[in-house]
Each structure stands twice: as structure tokens, then as C-alpha cells.
Amino acid sequence: MEERIKTVLATYGRLPDPVESLGRGDDLYRAGLTSHASVNVMLGLEDEFDIEFPDSLLRKSTFESIGSIEDAVRSLTASSPLSA
């Protein structure tokens, strides 16, 4: 899952440095992720994982790191009827 998230970040995140250089807990906003790019990342994740982020997860902390994104995606895919 982490590699799929990194692919989405590389495609939509507009980060100045390669995504491969980022660790699971690195702060994506310090790495150059803007609020505008985070919206594009969210949309890319929704397409990649066939999920929809609820309003409760539409906050900065959800997209703060690869780990926080992975936690959110896991929670959404676990509760998805498609994953059953």
C-alpha cells in the first residue's frame, strides 16, 4: 500500500524532492506539499483505492505523512463493502 501511496504523491503532490527520499513519518508539508496539492493527492488516492474520504478525515493531519495517509486509507478500505 505504501508504494501505491508514494505513486499518488509523486503524481499529484508536486513535491520538490523525489518521494522515494521520504520516510513513512516524514512531514509532507515540510517536504513541500501545499494545501492545494493535498486536495489533488486526496482525489488521486480516492481513484487509486476506490474510496471516498469523509468530512471527518478532511484535515491537515490526515495528509501530514505517508503513515497518516496509509492509516486513513486502511480504515476506509477496511470499512468498504468492496473489501468484504
PDB file of N, CA and C in Angstrom:
ATOM      1  N   MET A   1       0.831  -1.194   0.000  1.00  0.00           N
ATOM      2  CA  MET A   1       0.000   0.000   0.000  1.00  0.00           C
ATOM      3  C   MET A   1       0.876   1.258   0.000  1.00  0.00           C
ATOM      4  N   GLU A   2       1.980   1.216   0.723  1.00  0.00           N
ATOM      5  CA  GLU A   2       2.846   2.390   0.800  1.00  0.00           C
ATOM      6  C   GLU A   2       3.362   2.803  -0.579  1.00  0.00           C
ATOM      7  N   GLU A   3       3.702   1.832  -1.401  1.00  0.00           N
ATOM      8  CA  GLU A   3       4.198   2.152  -2.747  1.00  0.00           C
ATOM      9  C   GLU A   3       3.114   2.812  -3.599  1.00  0.00           C
ATOM     10  N   ARG A   4       1.892   2.348  -3.465  1.00  0.00           N
ATOM     11  CA  ARG A   4       0.775   2.969  -4.204  1.00  0.00           C
ATOM     12  C   ARG A   4       0.552   4.398  -3.739  1.00  0.00           C
ATOM     13  N   ILE A   5       0.662   4.638  -2.448  1.00  0.00           N
ATOM     14  CA  ILE A   5       0.514   5.985  -1.910  1.00  0.00           C
ATOM     15  C   ILE A   5       1.643   6.872  -2.423  1.00  0.00           C
ATOM     16  N   LYS A   6       2.861   6.359  -2.424  1.00  0.00           N
ATOM     17  CA  LYS A   6       4.002   7.130  -2.935  1.00  0.00           C
ATOM     18  C   LYS A   6       3.826   7.463  -4.416  1.00  0.00           C
ATOM     19  N   THR A   7       3.254   6.552  -5.182  1.00  0.00           N
ATOM     20  CA  THR A   7       2.999   6.824  -6.599  1.00  0.00           C
ATOM     21  C   THR A   7       2.014   7.971  -6.753  1.00  0.00           C
ATOM     22  N   VAL A   8       0.957   7.965  -5.938  1.00  0.00           N
ATOM     23  CA  VAL A   8      -0.020   9.061  -5.976  1.00  0.00           C
ATOM     24  C   VAL A   8       0.647  10.373  -5.559  1.00  0.00           C
ATOM     25  N   LEU A   9       1.459  10.327  -4.518  1.00  0.00           N
ATOM     26  CA  LEU A   9       2.168  11.538  -4.075  1.00  0.00           C
ATOM     27  C   LEU A   9       3.100  12.062  -5.163  1.00  0.00           C
ATOM     28  N   ALA A  10       3.794  11.161  -5.834  1.00  0.00           N
ATOM     29  CA  ALA A  10       4.706  11.576  -6.897  1.00  0.00           C
ATOM     30  C   ALA A  10       3.949  12.205  -8.060  1.00  0.00           C
ATOM     31  N   THR A  11       2.766  11.693  -8.335  1.00  0.00           N
ATOM     32  CA  THR A  11       1.967  12.180  -9.460  1.00  0.00           C
ATOM     33  C   THR A  11       1.279  13.501  -9.151  1.00  0.00           C
ATOM     34  N   TYR A  12       0.732  13.642  -7.948  1.00  0.00           N
ATOM     35  CA  TYR A  12      -0.121  14.789  -7.627  1.00  0.00           C
ATOM     36  C   TYR A  12       0.440  15.748  -6.579  1.00  0.00           C
ATOM     37  N   GLY A  13       1.457  15.342  -5.851  1.00  0.00           N
ATOM     38  CA  GLY A  13       1.929  16.140  -4.722  1.00  0.00           C
ATOM     39  C   GLY A  13       2.796  17.335  -5.053  1.00  0.00           C
ATOM     40  N   ARG A  14       3.348  17.362  -6.249  1.00  0.00           N
ATOM     41  CA  ARG A  14       4.225  18.469  -6.673  1.00  0.00           C
ATOM     42  C   ARG A  14       5.330  18.749  -5.665  1.00  0.00           C
ATOM     43  N   LEU A  15       5.914  17.689  -5.134  1.00  0.00           N
ATOM     44  CA  LEU A  15       6.989  17.832  -4.157  1.00  0.00           C
ATOM     45  C   LEU A  15       8.307  18.110  -4.879  1.00  0.00           C
ATOM     46  N   PRO A  16       9.146  18.976  -4.310  1.00  0.00           N
ATOM     47  CA  PRO A  16      10.398  19.319  -4.975  1.00  0.00           C
ATOM     48  C   PRO A  16      11.419  18.180  -4.999  1.00  0.00           C
ATOM     49  N   ASP A  17      11.371  17.303  -4.020  1.00  0.00           N
ATOM     50  CA  ASP A  17      12.304  16.181  -3.945  1.00  0.00           C
ATOM     51  C   ASP A  17      11.581  14.873  -4.257  1.00  0.00           C
ATOM     52  N   PRO A  18      12.327  13.865  -4.697  1.00  0.00           N
ATOM     53  CA  PRO A  18      11.687  12.577  -5.014  1.00  0.00           C
ATOM     54  C   PRO A  18      10.967  11.982  -3.803  1.00  0.00           C
ATOM     55  N   VAL A  19       9.816  11.414  -4.062  1.00  0.00           N
ATOM     56  CA  VAL A  19       9.009  10.798  -2.998  1.00  0.00           C
ATOM     57  C   VAL A  19       9.774   9.651  -2.348  1.00  0.00           C
ATOM     58  N   GLU A  20      10.616   8.987  -3.116  1.00  0.00           N
ATOM     59  CA  GLU A  20      11.391   7.855  -2.585  1.00  0.00           C
ATOM     60  C   GLU A  20      12.300   8.274  -1.433  1.00  0.00           C
ATOM     61  N   SER A  21      12.626   9.560  -1.348  1.00  0.00           N
ATOM     62  CA  SER A  21      13.510  10.033  -0.279  1.00  0.00           C
ATOM     63  C   SER A  21      12.764  10.248   1.033  1.00  0.00           C
ATOM     64  N   LEU A  22      11.440  10.118   1.009  1.00  0.00           N
ATOM     65  CA  LEU A  22      10.626  10.362   2.203  1.00  0.00           C
ATOM     66  C   LEU A  22      10.364   9.079   2.981  1.00  0.00           C
ATOM     67  N   GLY A  23      10.454   9.192   4.293  1.00  0.00           N
ATOM     68  CA  GLY A  23      10.111   8.074   5.165  1.00  0.00           C
ATOM     69  C   GLY A  23       8.637   8.106   5.527  1.00  0.00           C
ATOM     70  N   ARG A  24       8.179   7.041   6.131  1.00  0.00           N
ATOM     71  CA  ARG A  24       6.767   6.890   6.488  1.00  0.00           C
ATOM     72  C   ARG A  24       6.279   8.012   7.404  1.00  0.00           C
ATOM     73  N   GLY A  25       7.134   8.519   8.276  1.00  0.00           N
ATOM     74  CA  GLY A  25       6.724   9.529   9.247  1.00  0.00           C
ATOM     75  C   GLY A  25       7.146  10.949   8.911  1.00  0.00           C
ATOM     76  N   ASP A  26       7.806  11.145   7.781  1.00  0.00           N
ATOM     77  CA  ASP A  26       8.261  12.490   7.419  1.00  0.00           C
ATOM     78  C   ASP A  26       7.077  13.420   7.161  1.00  0.00           C
ATOM     79  N   ASP A  27       7.228  14.676   7.571  1.00  0.00           N
ATOM     80  CA  ASP A  27       6.190  15.682   7.409  1.00  0.00           C
ATOM     81  C   ASP A  27       6.123  16.111   5.941  1.00  0.00           C
ATOM     82  N   LEU A  28       5.036  15.786   5.276  1.00  0.00           N
ATOM     83  CA  LEU A  28       4.891  16.091   3.848  1.00  0.00           C
ATOM     84  C   LEU A  28       4.770  17.586   3.608  1.00  0.00           C
ATOM     85  N   TYR A  29       4.216  18.317   4.556  1.00  0.00           N
ATOM     86  CA  TYR A  29       4.094  19.768   4.391  1.00  0.00           C
ATOM     87  C   TYR A  29       5.469  20.430   4.473  1.00  0.00           C
ATOM     88  N   ARG A  30       6.321  19.940   5.347  1.00  0.00           N
ATOM     89  CA  ARG A  30       7.703  20.442   5.402  1.00  0.00           C
ATOM     90  C   ARG A  30       8.468  20.048   4.141  1.00  0.00           C
ATOM     91  N   ALA A  31       8.067  18.946   3.534  1.00  0.00           N
ATOM     92  CA  ALA A  31       8.715  18.483   2.298  1.00  0.00           C
ATOM     93  C   ALA A  31       8.210  19.254   1.075  1.00  0.00           C
ATOM     94  N   GLY A  32       7.225  20.130   1.261  1.00  0.00           N
ATOM     95  CA  GLY A  32       6.763  20.971   0.163  1.00  0.00           C
ATOM     96  C   GLY A  32       5.335  20.768  -0.292  1.00  0.00           C
ATOM     97  N   LEU A  33       4.586  19.885   0.371  1.00  0.00           N
ATOM     98  CA  LEU A  33       3.187  19.674  -0.007  1.00  0.00           C
ATOM     99  C   LEU A  33       2.371  20.913   0.359  1.00  0.00           C
ATOM    100  N   THR A  34       1.638  21.446  -0.602  1.00  0.00           N
ATOM    101  CA  THR A  34       0.774  22.600  -0.336  1.00  0.00           C
ATOM    102  C   THR A  34      -0.648  22.119  -0.082  1.00  0.00           C
ATOM    103  N   SER A  35      -1.476  23.008   0.435  1.00  0.00           N
ATOM    104  CA  SER A  35      -2.873  22.628   0.678  1.00  0.00           C
ATOM    105  C   SER A  35      -3.572  22.313  -0.646  1.00  0.00           C
ATOM    106  N   HIS A  36      -3.246  23.054  -1.683  1.00  0.00           N
ATOM    107  CA  HIS A  36      -3.844  22.789  -3.000  1.00  0.00           C
ATOM    108  C   HIS A  36      -3.422  21.414  -3.514  1.00  0.00           C
ATOM    109  N   ALA A  37      -2.140  21.107  -3.404  1.00  0.00           N
ATOM    110  CA  ALA A  37      -1.651  19.806  -3.855  1.00  0.00           C
ATOM    111  C   ALA A  37      -2.234  18.674  -3.011  1.00  0.00           C
ATOM    112  N   SER A  38      -2.491  18.931  -1.721  1.00  0.00           N
ATOM    113  CA  SER A  38      -3.057  17.876  -0.875  1.00  0.00           C
ATOM    114  C   SER A  38      -4.464  17.490  -1.338  1.00  0.00           C
ATOM    115  N   VAL A  39      -5.199  18.455  -1.884  1.00  0.00           N
ATOM    116  CA  VAL A  39      -6.525  18.145  -2.437  1.00  0.00           C
ATOM    117  C   VAL A  39      -6.365  17.229  -3.649  1.00  0.00           C
ATOM    118  N   ASN A  40      -5.395  17.529  -4.490  1.00  0.00           N
ATOM    119  CA  ASN A  40      -5.143  16.673  -5.653  1.00  0.00           C
ATOM    120  C   ASN A  40      -4.686  15.281  -5.234  1.00  0.00           C
ATOM    121  N   VAL A  41      -3.862  15.214  -4.193  1.00  0.00           N
ATOM    122  CA  VAL A  41      -3.426  13.917  -3.658  1.00  0.00           C
ATOM    123  C   VAL A  41      -4.646  13.143  -3.147  1.00  0.00           C
ATOM    124  N   MET A  42      -5.527  13.816  -2.415  1.00  0.00           N
ATOM    125  CA  MET A  42      -6.733  13.159  -1.909  1.00  0.00           C
ATOM    126  C   MET A  42      -7.559  12.576  -3.053  1.00  0.00           C
ATOM    127  N   LEU A  43      -7.757  13.356  -4.102  1.00  0.00           N
ATOM    128  CA  LEU A  43      -8.532  12.875  -5.250  1.00  0.00           C
ATOM    129  C   LEU A  43      -7.828  11.699  -5.932  1.00  0.00           C
ATOM    130  N   GLY A  44      -6.520  11.778  -6.032  1.00  0.00           N
ATOM    131  CA  GLY A  44      -5.756  10.671  -6.602  1.00  0.00           C
ATOM    132  C   GLY A  44      -5.866   9.402  -5.768  1.00  0.00           C
ATOM    133  N   LEU A  45      -5.838   9.562  -4.451  1.00  0.00           N
ATOM    134  CA  LEU A  45      -5.991   8.408  -3.554  1.00  0.00           C
ATOM    135  C   LEU A  45      -7.386   7.799  -3.681  1.00  0.00           C
ATOM    136  N   GLU A  46      -8.390   8.656  -3.795  1.00  0.00           N
ATOM    137  CA  GLU A  46      -9.758   8.148  -3.967  1.00  0.00           C
ATOM    138  C   GLU A  46      -9.867   7.308  -5.232  1.00  0.00           C
ATOM    139  N   ASP A  47      -9.250   7.766  -6.299  1.00  0.00           N
ATOM    140  CA  ASP A  47      -9.266   6.994  -7.553  1.00  0.00           C
ATOM    141  C   ASP A  47      -8.458   5.709  -7.427  1.00  0.00           C
ATOM    142  N   GLU A  48      -7.268   5.815  -6.856  1.00  0.00           N
ATOM    143  CA  GLU A  48      -6.357   4.663  -6.746  1.00  0.00           C
ATOM    144  C   GLU A  48      -6.945   3.542  -5.898  1.00  0.00           C
ATOM    145  N   PHE A  49      -7.597   3.906  -4.790  1.00  0.00           N
ATOM    146  CA  PHE A  49      -8.084   2.894  -3.848  1.00  0.00           C
ATOM    147  C   PHE A  49      -9.602   2.706  -3.890  1.00  0.00           C
ATOM    148  N   ASP A  50     -10.285   3.415  -4.781  1.00  0.00           N
ATOM    149  CA  ASP A  50     -11.738   3.332  -4.913  1.00  0.00           C
ATOM    150  C   ASP A  50     -12.423   3.573  -3.563  1.00  0.00           C
ATOM    151  N   ILE A  51     -12.055   4.708  -2.970  1.00  0.00           N
ATOM    152  CA  ILE A  51     -12.601   5.110  -1.678  1.00  0.00           C
ATOM    153  C   ILE A  51     -13.082   6.554  -1.784  1.00  0.00           C
ATOM    154  N   GLU A  52     -13.739   7.016  -0.723  1.00  0.00           N
ATOM    155  CA  GLU A  52     -14.108   8.418  -0.622  1.00  0.00           C
ATOM    156  C   GLU A  52     -13.806   8.888   0.791  1.00  0.00           C
ATOM    157  N   PHE A  53     -13.021   9.957   0.892  1.00  0.00           N
ATOM    158  CA  PHE A  53     -12.683  10.500   2.199  1.00  0.00           C
ATOM    159  C   PHE A  53     -13.895  11.222   2.780  1.00  0.00           C
ATOM    160  N   PRO A  54     -14.332  10.829   3.977  1.00  0.00           N
ATOM    161  CA  PRO A  54     -15.447  11.535   4.621  1.00  0.00           C
ATOM    162  C   PRO A  54     -14.948  12.872   5.178  1.00  0.00           C
ATOM    163  N   ASP A  55     -15.871  13.758   5.452  1.00  0.00           N
ATOM    164  CA  ASP A  55     -15.532  15.070   6.000  1.00  0.00           C
ATOM    165  C   ASP A  55     -14.652  14.961   7.246  1.00  0.00           C
ATOM    166  N   SER A  56     -14.873  13.933   8.042  1.00  0.00           N
ATOM    167  CA  SER A  56     -14.113  13.782   9.290  1.00  0.00           C
ATOM    168  C   SER A  56     -12.623  13.579   9.052  1.00  0.00           C
ATOM    169  N   LEU A  57     -12.238  13.135   7.854  1.00  0.00           N
ATOM    170  CA  LEU A  57     -10.817  12.934   7.545  1.00  0.00           C
ATOM    171  C   LEU A  57     -10.233  14.051   6.690  1.00  0.00           C
ATOM    172  N   LEU A  58     -11.036  15.041   6.370  1.00  0.00           N
ATOM    173  CA  LEU A  58     -10.548  16.149   5.549  1.00  0.00           C
ATOM    174  C   LEU A  58      -9.909  17.210   6.442  1.00  0.00           C
ATOM    175  N   ARG A  59      -8.746  16.841   6.968  1.00  0.00           N
ATOM    176  CA  ARG A  59      -7.979  17.754   7.816  1.00  0.00           C
ATOM    177  C   ARG A  59      -6.495  17.576   7.509  1.00  0.00           C
ATOM    178  N   LYS A  60      -5.747  18.571   7.850  1.00  0.00           N
ATOM    179  CA  LYS A  60      -4.318  18.594   7.533  1.00  0.00           C
ATOM    180  C   LYS A  60      -3.593  17.352   8.061  1.00  0.00           C
ATOM    181  N   SER A  61      -3.924  16.929   9.254  1.00  0.00           N
ATOM    182  CA  SER A  61      -3.213  15.805   9.875  1.00  0.00           C
ATOM    183  C   SER A  61      -3.373  14.499   9.098  1.00  0.00           C
ATOM    184  N   THR A  62      -4.457  14.337   8.367  1.00  0.00           N
ATOM    185  CA  THR A  62      -4.662  13.118   7.579  1.00  0.00           C
ATOM    186  C   THR A  62      -3.602  12.978   6.493  1.00  0.00           C
ATOM    187  N   PHE A  63      -3.164  14.105   5.941  1.00  0.00           N
ATOM    188  CA  PHE A  63      -2.229  14.096   4.818  1.00  0.00           C
ATOM    189  C   PHE A  63      -0.835  14.572   5.217  1.00  0.00           C
ATOM    190  N   GLU A  64      -0.552  14.540   6.511  1.00  0.00           N
ATOM    191  CA  GLU A  64       0.703  15.058   7.050  1.00  0.00           C
ATOM    192  C   GLU A  64       1.902  14.159   6.748  1.00  0.00           C
ATOM    193  N   SER A  65       1.666  12.861   6.630  1.00  0.00           N
ATOM    194  CA  SER A  65       2.762  11.927   6.376  1.00  0.00           C
ATOM    195  C   SER A  65       2.239  10.732   5.592  1.00  0.00           C
ATOM    196  N   ILE A  66       3.154   9.986   5.049  1.00  0.00           N
ATOM    197  CA  ILE A  66       2.770   8.768   4.335  1.00  0.00           C
ATOM    198  C   ILE A  66       2.071   7.814   5.305  1.00  0.00           C
ATOM    199  N   GLY A  67       2.566   7.748   6.525  1.00  0.00           N
ATOM    200  CA  GLY A  67       1.955   6.885   7.532  1.00  0.00           C
ATOM    201  C   GLY A  67       0.532   7.281   7.877  1.00  0.00           C
ATOM    202  N   SER A  68       0.285   8.583   8.032  1.00  0.00           N
ATOM    203  CA  SER A  68      -1.075   9.025   8.360  1.00  0.00           C
ATOM    204  C   SER A  68      -2.023   8.797   7.182  1.00  0.00           C
ATOM    205  N   ILE A  69      -1.512   8.970   5.973  1.00  0.00           N
ATOM    206  CA  ILE A  69      -2.331   8.675   4.790  1.00  0.00           C
ATOM    207  C   ILE A  69      -2.652   7.184   4.746  1.00  0.00           C
ATOM    208  N   GLU A  70      -1.641   6.363   4.987  1.00  0.00           N
ATOM    209  CA  GLU A  70      -1.861   4.913   4.963  1.00  0.00           C
ATOM    210  C   GLU A  70      -2.874   4.491   6.022  1.00  0.00           C
ATOM    211  N   ASP A  71      -2.774   5.050   7.210  1.00  0.00           N
ATOM    212  CA  ASP A  71      -3.745   4.730   8.274  1.00  0.00           C
ATOM    213  C   ASP A  71      -5.162   5.086   7.834  1.00  0.00           C
ATOM    214  N   ALA A  72      -5.327   6.261   7.217  1.00  0.00           N
ATOM    215  CA  ALA A  72      -6.650   6.693   6.763  1.00  0.00           C
ATOM    216  C   ALA A  72      -7.173   5.783   5.661  1.00  0.00           C
ATOM    217  N   VAL A  73      -6.316   5.466   4.699  1.00  0.00           N
ATOM    218  CA  VAL A  73      -6.743   4.603   3.582  1.00  0.00           C
ATOM    219  C   VAL A  73      -7.102   3.215   4.102  1.00  0.00           C
ATOM    220  N   ARG A  74      -6.296   2.693   5.023  1.00  0.00           N
ATOM    221  CA  ARG A  74      -6.603   1.368   5.601  1.00  0.00           C
ATOM    222  C   ARG A  74      -7.963   1.381   6.301  1.00  0.00           C
ATOM    223  N   SER A  75      -8.233   2.441   7.046  1.00  0.00           N
ATOM    224  CA  SER A  75      -9.515   2.490   7.758  1.00  0.00           C
ATOM    225  C   SER A  75     -10.680   2.558   6.774  1.00  0.00           C
ATOM    226  N   LEU A  76     -10.473   3.246   5.663  1.00  0.00           N
ATOM    227  CA  LEU A  76     -11.547   3.365   4.673  1.00  0.00           C
ATOM    228  C   LEU A  76     -11.717   2.090   3.848  1.00  0.00           C
ATOM    229  N   THR A  77     -10.618   1.415   3.538  1.00  0.00           N
ATOM    230  CA  THR A  77     -10.746   0.179   2.761  1.00  0.00           C
ATOM    231  C   THR A  77     -11.270  -0.959   3.633  1.00  0.00           C
ATOM    232  N   ALA A  78     -10.971  -0.911   4.934  1.00  0.00           N
ATOM    233  CA  ALA A  78     -11.474  -1.949   5.837  1.00  0.00           C
ATOM    234  C   ALA A  78     -12.979  -1.837   6.019  1.00  0.00           C
ATOM    235  N   SER A  79     -13.494  -0.620   5.942  1.00  0.00           N
ATOM    236  CA  SER A  79     -14.938  -0.431   6.145  1.00  0.00           C
ATOM    237  C   SER A  79     -15.714  -0.427   4.840  1.00  0.00           C
ATOM    238  N   SER A  80     -14.996  -0.560   3.728  1.00  0.00           N
ATOM    239  CA  SER A  80     -15.645  -0.534   2.407  1.00  0.00           C
ATOM    240  C   SER A  80     -16.321  -1.853   2.124  1.00  0.00           C
ATOM    241  N   PRO A  81     -17.546  -1.818   1.581  1.00  0.00           N
ATOM    242  CA  PRO A  81     -18.221  -3.063   1.229  1.00  0.00           C
ATOM    243  C   PRO A  81     -17.468  -3.814   0.125  1.00  0.00           C
ATOM    244  N   LEU A  82     -16.656  -3.110  -0.651  1.00  0.00           N
ATOM    245  CA  LEU A  82     -15.890  -3.760  -1.714  1.00  0.00           C
ATOM    246  C   LEU A  82     -14.776  -4.614  -1.169  1.00  0.00           C
ATOM    247  N   SER A  83     -14.312  -4.312   0.053  1.00  0.00           N
ATOM    248  CA  SER A  83     -13.213  -5.080   0.638  1.00  0.00           C
ATOM    249  C   SER A  83     -13.692  -6.312   1.385  1.00  0.00           C
ATOM    250  N   ALA A  84     -14.971  -6.461   1.536  1.00  0.00           N
ATOM    251  CA  ALA A  84     -15.528  -7.596   2.283  1.00  0.00           C
ATOM    252  C   ALA A  84     -15.491  -8.859   1.464  1.00  0.00           C
TER     253      ALA A  84
END
